[in-house]
């Protein structure tokens, strides 16, 4: 099962990888911006169970990427976790209108990220672990 992580901050990408590597049977694909993420999403040999992304990225931001995904029947219902430092209500509302699955405000704990990801993956039993 693949998870796509899109964030232009290498530190955040490293954190996401560190947390997600604890989930069995997961492969992590990373992208530095929304344009690269779209390329990975539409790669014919890749299928994703979940997308984790930042809102603020160069070229194509997280909101534009999600809007594009929701217009494509192949990705219209793909779960998306937006991890961002944006706390303004209008952006949270914009994310809700795009039917994201979860809006995590930075900073968040690794355990919170793990729990949100686990809850959105298909065929999960609600396992929990401690992420250090």
Protein backbone atom coordinates (compact mmCIF):
# COMPACT_ATOMS: atom_id res chain seq x y z
CA UNK A 1 0.00 0.00 0.00
CA UNK A 2 1.41 3.43 -0.95
CA UNK A 3 1.20 6.75 0.85
CA UNK A 4 2.14 9.93 -0.98
CA UNK A 5 3.77 12.64 1.15
CA UNK A 6 4.02 16.12 -0.41
CA UNK A 7 5.88 18.85 1.47
CA UNK A 8 8.63 21.28 0.50
CA UNK A 9 10.20 21.19 3.99
CA UNK A 10 12.76 18.34 4.18
CA UNK A 11 12.40 18.29 7.98
CA UNK A 12 8.66 17.63 7.74
CA UNK A 13 9.18 14.97 5.08
CA UNK A 14 11.70 13.27 7.37
CA UNK A 15 9.23 13.38 10.27
CA UNK A 16 6.45 11.93 8.11
CA UNK A 17 8.74 9.13 6.92
CA UNK A 18 9.88 8.41 10.46
CA UNK A 19 6.30 8.08 11.68
CA UNK A 20 4.90 6.23 8.67
CA UNK A 21 7.69 3.65 8.52
CA UNK A 22 6.13 2.11 11.66
CA UNK A 23 3.02 1.13 9.71
CA UNK A 24 3.36 -2.39 8.27
CA UNK A 25 3.08 -2.96 4.52
CA UNK A 26 3.40 0.73 3.64
CA UNK A 27 5.58 2.28 0.96
CA UNK A 28 6.17 6.01 1.14
CA UNK A 29 6.56 8.17 -1.96
CA UNK A 30 7.66 11.78 -1.43
CA UNK A 31 7.20 14.94 -3.49
CA UNK A 32 8.60 18.42 -2.90
CA UNK A 33 5.57 20.28 -4.23
CA UNK A 34 2.08 19.81 -5.60
CA UNK A 35 3.21 19.53 -9.22
CA UNK A 36 5.53 16.64 -8.42
CA UNK A 37 2.82 15.08 -6.25
CA UNK A 38 0.37 15.22 -9.18
CA UNK A 39 2.97 13.49 -11.35
CA UNK A 40 3.29 10.68 -8.79
CA UNK A 41 -0.49 10.43 -8.37
CA UNK A 42 -1.02 10.01 -12.10
CA UNK A 43 1.91 7.64 -12.62
CA UNK A 44 0.20 4.61 -14.20
CA UNK A 45 2.00 2.02 -12.08
CA UNK A 46 1.29 3.68 -8.74
CA UNK A 47 -1.85 3.46 -6.62
CA UNK A 48 -2.24 5.28 -3.32
CA UNK A 49 -4.23 4.63 -0.18
CA UNK A 50 -3.63 8.09 1.28
CA UNK A 51 -2.04 11.49 0.60
CA UNK A 52 -0.38 13.58 3.33
CA UNK A 53 0.45 17.11 2.24
CA UNK A 54 1.31 20.64 3.24
CA UNK A 55 -0.80 23.62 2.21
CA UNK A 56 2.06 25.95 1.31
CA UNK A 57 4.27 24.50 -1.41
CA UNK A 58 5.91 26.01 -4.49
CA UNK A 59 4.49 25.68 -8.02
CA UNK A 60 1.23 23.96 -7.01
CA UNK A 61 0.08 24.38 -3.41
CA UNK A 62 -1.84 21.84 -1.36
CA UNK A 63 -5.23 23.46 -1.93
CA UNK A 64 -4.80 23.49 -5.70
CA UNK A 65 -3.59 19.89 -5.66
CA UNK A 66 -6.62 18.73 -3.69
CA UNK A 67 -8.97 20.69 -5.95
CA UNK A 68 -7.41 18.98 -8.97
CA UNK A 69 -7.69 15.59 -7.27
CA UNK A 70 -11.37 16.08 -6.46
CA UNK A 71 -12.14 16.83 -10.12
CA UNK A 72 -10.62 13.52 -11.22
CA UNK A 73 -12.88 10.51 -10.55
CA UNK A 74 -9.81 8.38 -9.85
CA UNK A 75 -8.86 10.58 -6.85
CA UNK A 76 -12.20 12.12 -5.90
CA UNK A 77 -12.51 10.09 -2.70
CA UNK A 78 -8.83 9.44 -1.94
CA UNK A 79 -8.22 10.29 1.74
CA UNK A 80 -6.09 13.41 2.27
CA UNK A 81 -4.46 14.69 5.44
CA UNK A 82 -3.41 18.32 5.24
CA UNK A 83 -0.60 19.16 7.68
CA UNK A 84 -0.04 22.89 7.88
CA UNK A 85 0.74 25.83 10.08
CA UNK A 86 -2.13 27.82 8.57
CA UNK A 87 -4.64 28.51 11.33
CA UNK A 88 -6.89 31.07 9.62
CA UNK A 89 -10.53 30.02 9.53
CA UNK A 90 -10.93 30.82 5.84
CA UNK A 91 -8.23 28.31 4.93
CA UNK A 92 -9.68 25.66 7.22
CA UNK A 93 -13.07 26.27 5.56
CA UNK A 94 -11.47 26.05 2.12
CA UNK A 95 -9.94 22.70 3.07
CA UNK A 96 -13.30 21.44 4.35
CA UNK A 97 -14.99 22.40 1.06
CA UNK A 98 -12.37 20.31 -0.74
CA UNK A 99 -13.45 17.30 1.31
CA UNK A 100 -10.16 16.62 3.03
CA UNK A 101 -10.15 13.81 5.57
CA UNK A 102 -8.13 15.57 8.26
CA UNK A 103 -6.63 19.02 8.90
CA UNK A 104 -3.62 18.77 11.24
CA UNK A 105 -2.15 22.04 12.47
CA UNK A 106 1.62 22.16 12.92
CA UNK A 107 3.13 21.44 15.30
CA UNK A 108 1.49 18.11 16.00
CA UNK A 109 2.77 15.02 17.77
CA UNK A 110 4.04 11.99 15.86
CA UNK A 111 1.43 9.93 17.71
CA UNK A 112 -1.38 12.15 16.39
CA UNK A 113 -0.13 11.80 12.83
CA UNK A 114 0.19 8.04 13.22
CA UNK A 115 -3.32 7.70 14.63
CA UNK A 116 -4.87 9.81 11.86
CA UNK A 117 -3.05 7.87 9.14
CA UNK A 118 -3.98 4.49 10.65
CA UNK A 119 -7.64 5.50 10.92
CA UNK A 120 -7.80 6.43 7.23
CA UNK A 121 -6.06 3.40 5.76
CA UNK A 122 -8.32 0.65 4.43
CA UNK A 123 -8.57 -2.62 6.34
CA UNK A 124 -6.91 -1.40 9.52
CA UNK A 125 -7.80 -2.76 12.91
CA UNK A 126 -7.03 0.35 14.94
CA UNK A 127 -3.62 -0.88 16.06
CA UNK A 128 -1.64 1.59 18.11
CA UNK A 129 2.06 1.98 18.73
CA UNK A 130 4.29 4.43 20.51
CA UNK A 131 6.31 6.54 18.10
CA UNK A 132 9.57 7.85 19.53
